[in-house]
Each structure stands twice: as C-alpha cells, then as structure tokens.
C-alpha cells in the first residue's frame, strides 16, 4: 500500500456522478481518476481514513492502493498523508480483514452454485 502521493489540493468529489470516484492531479499535473475502496474511522487516532486506488498496477501485479486521512464532514476536501507506522499497521490490518471476508463470501457463493 502506498501513502497518498497525488496532489490532494485538487481532490474533486463532485466532478463525477459516481460518489465512489474522485479526480486528483498527479505530480505531473495530469488528472487521475481514483476510486474509493473503503473508509475507516479510527477511535484510537481520532481520524477518518480514505482507502482508494487509481487502478494502476505495481510491478508485481497488485493494484496500487493509497491511504490518506480526511475530514468526513466535507468542510475540507484535502487528503492528508498517513505519517505513523501505528496508523499504517491499523490500516493494513483492516484491509487484511476485509480481504479475508471477501474471499469467504466468494467461496460461499461458489459453493452455493455447485
């Protein structure tokens, strides 16, 4: 997973009709379409996190995934970088749990089809 490395001052959630899609500008100034994968509200860190992807792939074939913390009230559209190992550990733990759940649901669906 990557830290948010796109120009977050240009996040525009209202630019597309799909509420899970937003546009950001990358370091080259190009508009990049990103999709929200999930949000996490952390009582421990008193922050809300946005987990998203731009659907590009890593060298080893995984989808690039980014995490930032954000203002869930919408007063600010800025995405702020995750800065501590403790935050990353929490985010990665939540993502691992979500991935396990998706795999279980997929297996159940396949079993029901058979």
PDB file of N, CA and C in Angstrom:
ATOM      1  N   UNK A   1       0.854  -1.168   0.000  1.00  0.00           N
ATOM      2  CA  UNK A   1       0.000   0.000   0.000  1.00  0.00           C
ATOM      3  C   UNK A   1       0.896   1.225   0.000  1.00  0.00           C
ATOM      4  N   UNK A   2       0.448   2.253  -0.651  1.00  0.00           N
ATOM      5  CA  UNK A   2       1.228   3.477  -0.758  1.00  0.00           C
ATOM      6  C   UNK A   2       0.583   4.590   0.030  1.00  0.00           C
ATOM      7  N   UNK A   3       1.426   5.493   0.488  1.00  0.00           N
ATOM      8  CA  UNK A   3       0.892   6.704   1.088  1.00  0.00           C
ATOM      9  C   UNK A   3       0.336   7.558  -0.038  1.00  0.00           C
ATOM     10  N   UNK A   4      -0.551   8.428   0.272  1.00  0.00           N
ATOM     11  CA  UNK A   4      -1.152   9.314  -0.718  1.00  0.00           C
ATOM     12  C   UNK A   4      -0.043  10.150  -1.330  1.00  0.00           C
ATOM     13  N   UNK A   5       0.155  10.057  -2.634  1.00  0.00           N
ATOM     14  CA  UNK A   5       1.217  10.803  -3.275  1.00  0.00           C
ATOM     15  C   UNK A   5       0.723  11.637  -4.448  1.00  0.00           C
ATOM     16  N   UNK A   6      -0.547  11.882  -4.482  1.00  0.00           N
ATOM     17  CA  UNK A   6      -1.120  12.722  -5.521  1.00  0.00           C
ATOM     18  C   UNK A   6      -1.397  14.095  -4.945  1.00  0.00           C
ATOM     19  N   UNK A   7      -1.510  15.093  -5.781  1.00  0.00           N
ATOM     20  CA  UNK A   7      -1.772  16.458  -5.325  1.00  0.00           C
ATOM     21  C   UNK A   7      -3.176  16.526  -4.758  1.00  0.00           C
ATOM     22  N   UNK A   8      -3.279  16.478  -3.424  1.00  0.00           N
ATOM     23  CA  UNK A   8      -4.591  16.391  -2.793  1.00  0.00           C
ATOM     24  C   UNK A   8      -5.323  17.709  -2.741  1.00  0.00           C
ATOM     25  N   UNK A   9      -4.677  18.798  -3.067  1.00  0.00           N
ATOM     26  CA  UNK A   9      -5.379  20.082  -3.030  1.00  0.00           C
ATOM     27  C   UNK A   9      -6.398  20.179  -4.153  1.00  0.00           C
ATOM     28  N   UNK A  10      -6.324  19.257  -5.095  1.00  0.00           N
ATOM     29  CA  UNK A  10      -7.235  19.295  -6.235  1.00  0.00           C
ATOM     30  C   UNK A  10      -8.246  18.162  -6.222  1.00  0.00           C
ATOM     31  N   UNK A  11      -8.434  17.531  -5.079  1.00  0.00           N
ATOM     32  CA  UNK A  11      -9.443  16.477  -4.991  1.00  0.00           C
ATOM     33  C   UNK A  11     -10.804  17.092  -5.273  1.00  0.00           C
ATOM     34  N   UNK A  12     -11.569  16.427  -6.124  1.00  0.00           N
ATOM     35  CA  UNK A  12     -12.871  16.971  -6.506  1.00  0.00           C
ATOM     36  C   UNK A  12     -13.873  15.836  -6.520  1.00  0.00           C
ATOM     37  N   UNK A  13     -14.580  15.666  -5.422  1.00  0.00           N
ATOM     38  CA  UNK A  13     -15.528  14.560  -5.325  1.00  0.00           C
ATOM     39  C   UNK A  13     -16.770  14.800  -6.171  1.00  0.00           C
ATOM     40  N   UNK A  14     -17.077  16.015  -6.522  1.00  0.00           N
ATOM     41  CA  UNK A  14     -18.299  16.308  -7.244  1.00  0.00           C
ATOM     42  C   UNK A  14     -18.149  16.282  -8.744  1.00  0.00           C
ATOM     43  N   UNK A  15     -16.988  15.956  -9.241  1.00  0.00           N
ATOM     44  CA  UNK A  15     -16.746  16.045 -10.666  1.00  0.00           C
ATOM     45  C   UNK A  15     -17.356  14.884 -11.454  1.00  0.00           C
ATOM     46  N   UNK A  16     -17.592  13.762 -10.790  1.00  0.00           N
ATOM     47  CA  UNK A  16     -18.187  12.623 -11.475  1.00  0.00           C
ATOM     48  C   UNK A  16     -19.517  12.276 -10.806  1.00  0.00           C
ATOM     49  N   UNK A  17     -20.340  11.511 -11.511  1.00  0.00           N
ATOM     50  CA  UNK A  17     -21.634  11.140 -10.954  1.00  0.00           C
ATOM     51  C   UNK A  17     -21.516  10.012  -9.942  1.00  0.00           C
ATOM     52  N   UNK A  18     -20.530   9.148 -10.084  1.00  0.00           N
ATOM     53  CA  UNK A  18     -20.316   8.056  -9.141  1.00  0.00           C
ATOM     54  C   UNK A  18     -19.675   8.622  -7.885  1.00  0.00           C
ATOM     55  N   UNK A  19     -20.343   8.458  -6.740  1.00  0.00           N
ATOM     56  CA  UNK A  19     -19.839   9.034  -5.495  1.00  0.00           C
ATOM     57  C   UNK A  19     -18.573   8.341  -5.008  1.00  0.00           C
ATOM     58  N   UNK A  20     -18.248   7.190  -5.567  1.00  0.00           N
ATOM     59  CA  UNK A  20     -17.033   6.491  -5.174  1.00  0.00           C
ATOM     60  C   UNK A  20     -15.837   6.856  -6.052  1.00  0.00           C
ATOM     61  N   UNK A  21     -16.025   7.766  -6.963  1.00  0.00           N
ATOM     62  CA  UNK A  21     -14.964   8.201  -7.868  1.00  0.00           C
ATOM     63  C   UNK A  21     -14.653   9.664  -7.596  1.00  0.00           C
ATOM     64  N   UNK A  22     -13.363   9.997  -7.565  1.00  0.00           N
ATOM     65  CA  UNK A  22     -12.968  11.390  -7.470  1.00  0.00           C
ATOM     66  C   UNK A  22     -11.743  11.621  -8.347  1.00  0.00           C
ATOM     67  N   UNK A  23     -11.493  12.856  -8.675  1.00  0.00           N
ATOM     68  CA  UNK A  23     -10.397  13.237  -9.561  1.00  0.00           C
ATOM     69  C   UNK A  23      -9.332  13.968  -8.756  1.00  0.00           C
ATOM     70  N   UNK A  24      -8.083  13.585  -9.002  1.00  0.00           N
ATOM     71  CA  UNK A  24      -6.949  14.267  -8.371  1.00  0.00           C
ATOM     72  C   UNK A  24      -5.945  14.593  -9.466  1.00  0.00           C
ATOM     73  N   UNK A  25      -5.026  15.461  -9.155  1.00  0.00           N
ATOM     74  CA  UNK A  25      -3.916  15.730 -10.074  1.00  0.00           C
ATOM     75  C   UNK A  25      -2.673  15.066  -9.541  1.00  0.00           C
ATOM     76  N   UNK A  26      -1.953  14.378 -10.447  1.00  0.00           N
ATOM     77  CA  UNK A  26      -0.715  13.735 -10.030  1.00  0.00           C
ATOM     78  C   UNK A  26       0.424  14.754 -10.032  1.00  0.00           C
ATOM     79  N   UNK A  27       1.614  14.278  -9.732  1.00  0.00           N
ATOM     80  CA  UNK A  27       2.767  15.184  -9.642  1.00  0.00           C
ATOM     81  C   UNK A  27       3.116  15.837 -10.979  1.00  0.00           C
ATOM     82  N   UNK A  28       2.605  15.296 -12.092  1.00  0.00           N
ATOM     83  CA  UNK A  28       2.812  15.879 -13.420  1.00  0.00           C
ATOM     84  C   UNK A  28       1.711  16.865 -13.796  1.00  0.00           C
ATOM     85  N   UNK A  29       0.727  17.040 -12.903  1.00  0.00           N
ATOM     86  CA  UNK A  29      -0.390  17.940 -13.183  1.00  0.00           C
ATOM     87  C   UNK A  29      -1.499  17.303 -13.996  1.00  0.00           C
ATOM     88  N   UNK A  30      -1.419  16.004 -14.230  1.00  0.00           N
ATOM     89  CA  UNK A  30      -2.428  15.289 -15.001  1.00  0.00           C
ATOM     90  C   UNK A  30      -3.566  14.857 -14.081  1.00  0.00           C
ATOM     91  N   UNK A  31      -4.794  14.919 -14.592  1.00  0.00           N
ATOM     92  CA  UNK A  31      -5.932  14.463 -13.816  1.00  0.00           C
ATOM     93  C   UNK A  31      -5.940  12.935 -13.769  1.00  0.00           C
ATOM     94  N   UNK A  32      -6.162  12.408 -12.580  1.00  0.00           N
ATOM     95  CA  UNK A  32      -6.186  10.965 -12.357  1.00  0.00           C
ATOM     96  C   UNK A  32      -7.510  10.617 -11.683  1.00  0.00           C
ATOM     97  N   UNK A  33      -8.208   9.639 -12.249  1.00  0.00           N
ATOM     98  CA  UNK A  33      -9.456   9.177 -11.648  1.00  0.00           C
ATOM     99  C   UNK A  33      -9.136   8.136 -10.579  1.00  0.00           C
ATOM    100  N   UNK A  34      -9.649   8.358  -9.387  1.00  0.00           N
ATOM    101  CA  UNK A  34      -9.429   7.442  -8.266  1.00  0.00           C
ATOM    102  C   UNK A  34     -10.770   6.908  -7.787  1.00  0.00           C
ATOM    103  N   UNK A  35     -10.753   5.689  -7.277  1.00  0.00           N
ATOM    104  CA  UNK A  35     -11.967   5.069  -6.756  1.00  0.00           C
ATOM    105  C   UNK A  35     -11.797   4.766  -5.274  1.00  0.00           C
ATOM    106  N   UNK A  36     -12.779   5.158  -4.489  1.00  0.00           N
ATOM    107  CA  UNK A  36     -12.773   4.874  -3.062  1.00  0.00           C
ATOM    108  C   UNK A  36     -13.028   3.384  -2.869  1.00  0.00           C
ATOM    109  N   UNK A  37     -12.146   2.731  -2.129  1.00  0.00           N
ATOM    110  CA  UNK A  37     -12.313   1.318  -1.818  1.00  0.00           C
ATOM    111  C   UNK A  37     -13.039   1.154  -0.491  1.00  0.00           C
ATOM    112  N   UNK A  38     -12.689   1.988   0.486  1.00  0.00           N
ATOM    113  CA  UNK A  38     -13.340   1.939   1.790  1.00  0.00           C
ATOM    114  C   UNK A  38     -12.923   3.151   2.600  1.00  0.00           C
ATOM    115  N   UNK A  39     -13.670   3.384   3.661  1.00  0.00           N
ATOM    116  CA  UNK A  39     -13.292   4.392   4.639  1.00  0.00           C
ATOM    117  C   UNK A  39     -13.165   3.710   5.990  1.00  0.00           C
ATOM    118  N   UNK A  40     -12.322   4.282   6.833  1.00  0.00           N
ATOM    119  CA  UNK A  40     -12.099   3.745   8.174  1.00  0.00           C
ATOM    120  C   UNK A  40     -12.170   4.903   9.154  1.00  0.00           C
ATOM    121  N   UNK A  41     -12.964   4.755  10.185  1.00  0.00           N
ATOM    122  CA  UNK A  41     -12.989   5.733  11.279  1.00  0.00           C
ATOM    123  C   UNK A  41     -12.246   5.109  12.454  1.00  0.00           C
ATOM    124  N   UNK A  42     -11.185   5.792  12.907  1.00  0.00           N
ATOM    125  CA  UNK A  42     -10.369   5.252  13.984  1.00  0.00           C
ATOM    126  C   UNK A  42     -10.577   6.036  15.271  1.00  0.00           C
ATOM    127  N   UNK A  43     -11.103   5.344  16.268  1.00  0.00           N
ATOM    128  CA  UNK A  43     -11.226   5.964  17.591  1.00  0.00           C
ATOM    129  C   UNK A  43      -9.845   6.154  18.210  1.00  0.00           C
ATOM    130  N   UNK A  44      -8.944   5.214  17.954  1.00  0.00           N
ATOM    131  CA  UNK A  44      -7.593   5.281  18.512  1.00  0.00           C
ATOM    132  C   UNK A  44      -6.854   6.537  18.057  1.00  0.00           C
ATOM    133  N   UNK A  45      -6.933   6.855  16.773  1.00  0.00           N
ATOM    134  CA  UNK A  45      -6.209   8.000  16.235  1.00  0.00           C
ATOM    135  C   UNK A  45      -7.078   9.243  16.080  1.00  0.00           C
ATOM    136  N   UNK A  46      -8.388   9.092  16.333  1.00  0.00           N
ATOM    137  CA  UNK A  46      -9.333  10.215  16.206  1.00  0.00           C
ATOM    138  C   UNK A  46      -9.299  10.817  14.793  1.00  0.00           C
ATOM    139  N   UNK A  47      -9.163   9.920  13.791  1.00  0.00           N
ATOM    140  CA  UNK A  47      -9.109  10.346  12.393  1.00  0.00           C
ATOM    141  C   UNK A  47      -9.971   9.420  11.539  1.00  0.00           C
ATOM    142  N   UNK A  48     -10.355   9.934  10.376  1.00  0.00           N
ATOM    143  CA  UNK A  48     -11.048   9.127   9.372  1.00  0.00           C
ATOM    144  C   UNK A  48     -10.098   8.953   8.194  1.00  0.00           C
ATOM    145  N   UNK A  49     -10.078   7.737   7.673  1.00  0.00           N
ATOM    146  CA  UNK A  49      -9.147   7.404   6.596  1.00  0.00           C
ATOM    147  C   UNK A  49      -9.905   7.018   5.338  1.00  0.00           C
ATOM    148  N   UNK A  50      -9.350   7.399   4.207  1.00  0.00           N
ATOM    149  CA  UNK A  50      -9.880   7.065   2.901  1.00  0.00           C
ATOM    150  C   UNK A  50      -8.882   6.120   2.241  1.00  0.00           C
ATOM    151  N   UNK A  51      -9.344   4.947   1.855  1.00  0.00           N
ATOM    152  CA  UNK A  51      -8.515   3.975   1.150  1.00  0.00           C
ATOM    153  C   UNK A  51      -9.007   3.986  -0.296  1.00  0.00           C
ATOM    154  N   UNK A  52      -8.097   4.204  -1.231  1.00  0.00           N
ATOM    155  CA  UNK A  52      -8.506   4.364  -2.619  1.00  0.00           C
ATOM    156  C   UNK A  52      -7.448   3.844  -3.574  1.00  0.00           C
ATOM    157  N   UNK A  53      -7.826   3.727  -4.837  1.00  0.00           N
ATOM    158  CA  UNK A  53      -6.920   3.248  -5.873  1.00  0.00           C
ATOM    159  C   UNK A  53      -7.091   4.082  -7.127  1.00  0.00           C
ATOM    160  N   UNK A  54      -6.024   4.130  -7.921  1.00  0.00           N
ATOM    161  CA  UNK A  54      -6.114   4.755  -9.247  1.00  0.00           C
ATOM    162  C   UNK A  54      -6.119   3.673 -10.334  1.00  0.00           C
ATOM    163  N   UNK A  55      -6.253   2.422  -9.921  1.00  0.00           N
ATOM    164  CA  UNK A  55      -6.322   1.245 -10.788  1.00  0.00           C
ATOM    165  C   UNK A  55      -5.053   1.001 -11.598  1.00  0.00           C
ATOM    166  N   UNK A  56      -3.925   1.580 -11.171  1.00  0.00           N
ATOM    167  CA  UNK A  56      -2.651   1.226 -11.782  1.00  0.00           C
ATOM    168  C   UNK A  56      -2.118   0.003 -11.051  1.00  0.00           C
ATOM    169  N   UNK A  57      -1.152  -0.654 -11.649  1.00  0.00           N
ATOM    170  CA  UNK A  57      -0.617  -1.893 -11.084  1.00  0.00           C
ATOM    171  C   UNK A  57       0.829  -1.696 -10.626  1.00  0.00           C
ATOM    172  N   UNK A  58       1.178  -2.430  -9.580  1.00  0.00           N
ATOM    173  CA  UNK A  58       2.563  -2.463  -9.118  1.00  0.00           C
ATOM    174  C   UNK A  58       3.348  -3.392 -10.044  1.00  0.00           C
ATOM    175  N   UNK A  59       4.658  -3.386  -9.897  1.00  0.00           N
ATOM    176  CA  UNK A  59       5.497  -4.257 -10.718  1.00  0.00           C
ATOM    177  C   UNK A  59       5.196  -5.735 -10.501  1.00  0.00           C
ATOM    178  N   UNK A  60       4.696  -6.074  -9.300  1.00  0.00           N
ATOM    179  CA  UNK A  60       4.399  -7.481  -9.022  1.00  0.00           C
ATOM    180  C   UNK A  60       2.931  -7.838  -9.262  1.00  0.00           C
ATOM    181  N   UNK A  61       2.188  -6.958  -9.946  1.00  0.00           N
ATOM    182  CA  UNK A  61       0.837  -7.291 -10.383  1.00  0.00           C
ATOM    183  C   UNK A  61      -0.292  -6.964  -9.429  1.00  0.00           C
ATOM    184  N   UNK A  62      -0.005  -6.255  -8.353  1.00  0.00           N
ATOM    185  CA  UNK A  62      -1.058  -5.839  -7.430  1.00  0.00           C
ATOM    186  C   UNK A  62      -1.575  -4.459  -7.807  1.00  0.00           C
ATOM    187  N   UNK A  63      -2.805  -4.176  -7.408  1.00  0.00           N
ATOM    188  CA  UNK A  63      -3.383  -2.855  -7.667  1.00  0.00           C
ATOM    189  C   UNK A  63      -2.803  -1.864  -6.670  1.00  0.00           C
ATOM    190  N   UNK A  64      -2.333  -0.716  -7.165  1.00  0.00           N
ATOM    191  CA  UNK A  64      -1.847   0.334  -6.274  1.00  0.00           C
ATOM    192  C   UNK A  64      -2.986   0.813  -5.392  1.00  0.00           C
ATOM    193  N   UNK A  65      -2.736   0.818  -4.102  1.00  0.00           N
ATOM    194  CA  UNK A  65      -3.720   1.249  -3.117  1.00  0.00           C
ATOM    195  C   UNK A  65      -3.092   2.348  -2.281  1.00  0.00           C
ATOM    196  N   UNK A  66      -3.875   3.390  -2.006  1.00  0.00           N
ATOM    197  CA  UNK A  66      -3.379   4.550  -1.267  1.00  0.00           C
ATOM    198  C   UNK A  66      -4.259   4.779  -0.043  1.00  0.00           C
ATOM    199  N   UNK A  67      -3.688   5.423   0.949  1.00  0.00           N
ATOM    200  CA  UNK A  67      -4.445   5.763   2.151  1.00  0.00           C
ATOM    201  C   UNK A  67      -4.107   7.188   2.556  1.00  0.00           C
ATOM    202  N   UNK A  68      -5.134   7.912   2.959  1.00  0.00           N
ATOM    203  CA  UNK A  68      -4.985   9.281   3.453  1.00  0.00           C
ATOM    204  C   UNK A  68      -6.008   9.492   4.543  1.00  0.00           C
ATOM    205  N   UNK A  69      -5.753  10.455   5.413  1.00  0.00           N
ATOM    206  CA  UNK A  69      -6.833  10.793   6.328  1.00  0.00           C
ATOM    207  C   UNK A  69      -7.510  12.046   5.798  1.00  0.00           C
ATOM    208  N   UNK A  70      -8.802  12.178   6.124  1.00  0.00           N
ATOM    209  CA  UNK A  70      -9.631  13.223   5.535  1.00  0.00           C
ATOM    210  C   UNK A  70     -10.644  13.724   6.552  1.00  0.00           C
ATOM    211  N   UNK A  71     -11.314  14.804   6.193  1.00  0.00           N
ATOM    212  CA  UNK A  71     -12.355  15.399   7.034  1.00  0.00           C
ATOM    213  C   UNK A  71     -13.709  14.831   6.586  1.00  0.00           C
ATOM    214  N   UNK A  72     -14.308  13.945   7.390  1.00  0.00           N
ATOM    215  CA  UNK A  72     -15.568  13.320   6.967  1.00  0.00           C
ATOM    216  C   UNK A  72     -16.748  14.286   6.910  1.00  0.00           C
ATOM    217  N   UNK A  73     -16.600  15.486   7.466  1.00  0.00           N
ATOM    218  CA  UNK A  73     -17.689  16.456   7.391  1.00  0.00           C
ATOM    219  C   UNK A  73     -17.762  17.114   6.028  1.00  0.00           C
ATOM    220  N   UNK A  74     -16.692  17.006   5.254  1.00  0.00           N
ATOM    221  CA  UNK A  74     -16.657  17.632   3.936  1.00  0.00           C
ATOM    222  C   UNK A  74     -16.273  19.096   3.959  1.00  0.00           C
ATOM    223  N   UNK A  75     -15.986  19.643   5.135  1.00  0.00           N
ATOM    224  CA  UNK A  75     -15.575  21.053   5.211  1.00  0.00           C
ATOM    225  C   UNK A  75     -14.263  21.283   4.476  1.00  0.00           C
ATOM    226  N   UNK A  76     -13.418  20.269   4.464  1.00  0.00           N
ATOM    227  CA  UNK A  76     -12.156  20.318   3.729  1.00  0.00           C
ATOM    228  C   UNK A  76     -12.095  19.103   2.824  1.00  0.00           C
ATOM    229  N   UNK A  77     -11.686  19.288   1.588  1.00  0.00           N
ATOM    230  CA  UNK A  77     -11.534  18.177   0.660  1.00  0.00           C
ATOM    231  C   UNK A  77     -10.092  17.692   0.588  1.00  0.00           C
ATOM    232  N   UNK A  78      -9.215  18.261   1.420  1.00  0.00           N
ATOM    233  CA  UNK A  78      -7.815  17.856   1.417  1.00  0.00           C
ATOM    234  C   UNK A  78      -7.662  16.422   1.908  1.00  0.00           C
ATOM    235  N   UNK A  79      -6.764  15.697   1.278  1.00  0.00           N
ATOM    236  CA  UNK A  79      -6.364  14.372   1.733  1.00  0.00           C
ATOM    237  C   UNK A  79      -4.977  14.522   2.333  1.00  0.00           C
ATOM    238  N   UNK A  80      -4.831  14.043   3.555  1.00  0.00           N
ATOM    239  CA  UNK A  80      -3.588  14.230   4.289  1.00  0.00           C
ATOM    240  C   UNK A  80      -2.852  12.907   4.433  1.00  0.00           C
ATOM    241  N   UNK A  81      -1.523  12.947   4.362  1.00  0.00           N
ATOM    242  CA  UNK A  81      -0.758  11.697   4.396  1.00  0.00           C
ATOM    243  C   UNK A  81      -0.825  10.978   5.738  1.00  0.00           C
ATOM    244  N   UNK A  82      -0.762   9.670   5.661  1.00  0.00           N
ATOM    245  CA  UNK A  82      -0.624   8.827   6.850  1.00  0.00           C
ATOM    246  C   UNK A  82       0.854   8.876   7.215  1.00  0.00           C
ATOM    247  N   UNK A  83       1.141   9.220   8.465  1.00  0.00           N
ATOM    248  CA  UNK A  83       2.534   9.506   8.805  1.00  0.00           C
ATOM    249  C   UNK A  83       3.169   8.560   9.810  1.00  0.00           C
ATOM    250  N   UNK A  84       2.389   7.741  10.489  1.00  0.00           N
ATOM    251  CA  UNK A  84       2.996   6.893  11.519  1.00  0.00           C
ATOM    252  C   UNK A  84       2.861   5.416  11.182  1.00  0.00           C
ATOM    253  N   UNK A  85       3.806   4.635  11.679  1.00  0.00           N
ATOM    254  CA  UNK A  85       3.742   3.181  11.494  1.00  0.00           C
ATOM    255  C   UNK A  85       2.510   2.602  12.164  1.00  0.00           C
ATOM    256  N   UNK A  86       2.139   3.158  13.307  1.00  0.00           N
ATOM    257  CA  UNK A  86       0.956   2.657  14.023  1.00  0.00           C
ATOM    258  C   UNK A  86      -0.296   2.823  13.168  1.00  0.00           C
ATOM    259  N   UNK A  87      -0.437   3.966  12.486  1.00  0.00           N
ATOM    260  CA  UNK A  87      -1.585   4.176  11.602  1.00  0.00           C
ATOM    261  C   UNK A  87      -1.553   3.170  10.456  1.00  0.00           C
ATOM    262  N   UNK A  88      -0.376   2.990   9.842  1.00  0.00           N
ATOM    263  CA  UNK A  88      -0.254   2.044   8.731  1.00  0.00           C
ATOM    264  C   UNK A  88      -0.605   0.635   9.179  1.00  0.00           C
ATOM    265  N   UNK A  89      -0.141   0.253  10.363  1.00  0.00           N
ATOM    266  CA  UNK A  89      -0.447  -1.085  10.870  1.00  0.00           C
ATOM    267  C   UNK A  89      -1.945  -1.277  11.030  1.00  0.00           C
ATOM    268  N   UNK A  90      -2.627  -0.275  11.555  1.00  0.00           N
ATOM    269  CA  UNK A  90      -4.084  -0.349  11.723  1.00  0.00           C
ATOM    270  C   UNK A  90      -4.767  -0.478  10.359  1.00  0.00           C
ATOM    271  N   UNK A  91      -4.364   0.358   9.407  1.00  0.00           N
ATOM    272  CA  UNK A  91      -4.974   0.347   8.068  1.00  0.00           C
ATOM    273  C   UNK A  91      -4.742  -1.005   7.399  1.00  0.00           C
ATOM    274  N   UNK A  92      -3.519  -1.502   7.458  1.00  0.00           N
ATOM    275  CA  UNK A  92      -3.216  -2.784   6.826  1.00  0.00           C
ATOM    276  C   UNK A  92      -3.981  -3.927   7.485  1.00  0.00           C
ATOM    277  N   UNK A  93      -4.191  -3.853   8.788  1.00  0.00           N
ATOM    278  CA  UNK A  93      -4.963  -4.870   9.495  1.00  0.00           C
ATOM    279  C   UNK A  93      -6.423  -4.862   9.036  1.00  0.00           C
ATOM    280  N   UNK A  94      -6.998  -3.674   8.910  1.00  0.00           N
ATOM    281  CA  UNK A  94      -8.385  -3.557   8.441  1.00  0.00           C
ATOM    282  C   UNK A  94      -8.508  -4.085   7.015  1.00  0.00           C
ATOM    283  N   UNK A  95      -7.551  -3.735   6.160  1.00  0.00           N
ATOM    284  CA  UNK A  95      -7.592  -4.216   4.773  1.00  0.00           C
ATOM    285  C   UNK A  95      -7.446  -5.733   4.701  1.00  0.00           C
ATOM    286  N   UNK A  96      -6.585  -6.295   5.522  1.00  0.00           N
ATOM    287  CA  UNK A  96      -6.412  -7.750   5.530  1.00  0.00           C
ATOM    288  C   UNK A  96      -7.710  -8.435   5.968  1.00  0.00           C
ATOM    289  N   UNK A  97      -8.376  -7.880   6.970  1.00  0.00           N
ATOM    290  CA  UNK A  97      -9.654  -8.442   7.423  1.00  0.00           C
ATOM    291  C   UNK A  97     -10.708  -8.347   6.324  1.00  0.00           C
ATOM    292  N   UNK A  98     -10.749  -7.215   5.638  1.00  0.00           N
ATOM    293  CA  UNK A  98     -11.716  -7.041   4.546  1.00  0.00           C
ATOM    294  C   UNK A  98     -11.442  -8.030   3.425  1.00  0.00           C
ATOM    295  N   UNK A  99     -10.164  -8.229   3.110  1.00  0.00           N
ATOM    296  CA  UNK A  99      -9.814  -9.171   2.054  1.00  0.00           C
ATOM    297  C   UNK A  99     -10.226 -10.595   2.429  1.00  0.00           C
ATOM    298  N   UNK A 100     -10.009 -10.983   3.673  1.00  0.00           N
ATOM    299  CA  UNK A 100     -10.419 -12.316   4.136  1.00  0.00           C
ATOM    300  C   UNK A 100     -11.929 -12.488   4.014  1.00  0.00           C
ATOM    301  N   UNK A 101     -12.684 -11.449   4.366  1.00  0.00           N
ATOM    302  CA  UNK A 101     -14.139 -11.504   4.285  1.00  0.00           C
ATOM    303  C   UNK A 101     -14.603 -11.653   2.839  1.00  0.00           C
ATOM    304  N   UNK A 102     -13.972 -10.934   1.940  1.00  0.00           N
ATOM    305  CA  UNK A 102     -14.329 -11.026   0.516  1.00  0.00           C
ATOM    306  C   UNK A 102     -14.054 -12.427  -0.006  1.00  0.00           C
ATOM    307  N   UNK A 103     -12.929 -13.005   0.396  1.00  0.00           N
ATOM    308  CA  UNK A 103     -12.593 -14.365  -0.039  1.00  0.00           C
ATOM    309  C   UNK A 103     -13.617 -15.360   0.495  1.00  0.00           C
ATOM    310  N   UNK A 104     -13.996 -15.235   1.765  1.00  0.00           N
ATOM    311  CA  UNK A 104     -15.002 -16.132   2.351  1.00  0.00           C
ATOM    312  C   UNK A 104     -16.322 -16.029   1.605  1.00  0.00           C
ATOM    313  N   UNK A 105     -16.752 -14.798   1.319  1.00  0.00           N
ATOM    314  CA  UNK A 105     -18.016 -14.607   0.606  1.00  0.00           C
ATOM    315  C   UNK A 105     -17.961 -15.189  -0.793  1.00  0.00           C
ATOM    316  N   UNK A 106     -16.831 -15.048  -1.444  1.00  0.00           N
ATOM    317  CA  UNK A 106     -16.661 -15.599  -2.793  1.00  0.00           C
ATOM    318  C   UNK A 106     -16.713 -17.124  -2.756  1.00  0.00           C
ATOM    319  N   UNK A 107     -16.079 -17.721  -1.755  1.00  0.00           N
ATOM    320  CA  UNK A 107     -16.100 -19.177  -1.615  1.00  0.00           C
ATOM    321  C   UNK A 107     -17.502 -19.682  -1.336  1.00  0.00           C
ATOM    322  N   UNK A 108     -18.231 -18.955  -0.464  1.00  0.00           N
ATOM    323  CA  UNK A 108     -19.613 -19.340  -0.167  1.00  0.00           C
ATOM    324  C   UNK A 108     -20.483 -19.279  -1.421  1.00  0.00           C
ATOM    325  N   UNK A 109     -20.317 -18.230  -2.199  1.00  0.00           N
ATOM    326  CA  UNK A 109     -21.097 -18.083  -3.414  1.00  0.00           C
ATOM    327  C   UNK A 109     -20.801 -19.216  -4.401  1.00  0.00           C
ATOM    328  N   UNK A 110     -19.529 -19.604  -4.496  1.00  0.00           N
ATOM    329  CA  UNK A 110     -19.163 -20.710  -5.395  1.00  0.00           C
ATOM    330  C   UNK A 110     -19.762 -22.029  -4.908  1.00  0.00           C
ATOM    331  N   UNK A 111     -19.756 -22.242  -3.591  1.00  0.00           N
ATOM    332  CA  UNK A 111     -20.334 -23.456  -3.032  1.00  0.00           C
ATOM    333  C   UNK A 111     -21.840 -23.528  -3.301  1.00  0.00           C
ATOM    334  N   UNK A 112     -22.504 -22.381  -3.209  1.00  0.00           N
ATOM    335  CA  UNK A 112     -23.950 -22.343  -3.448  1.00  0.00           C
ATOM    336  C   UNK A 112     -24.278 -22.633  -4.907  1.00  0.00           C
ATOM    337  N   UNK A 113     -23.385 -22.267  -5.815  1.00  0.00           N
ATOM    338  CA  UNK A 113     -23.603 -22.511  -7.226  1.00  0.00           C
ATOM    339  C   UNK A 113     -23.461 -23.980  -7.564  1.00  0.00           C
ATOM    340  N   UNK A 114     -22.662 -24.702  -6.798  1.00  0.00           N
ATOM    341  CA  UNK A 114     -22.382 -26.131  -7.089  1.00  0.00           C
ATOM    342  C   UNK A 114     -23.402 -27.026  -6.517  1.00  0.00           C
TER     343      UNK A 114
END
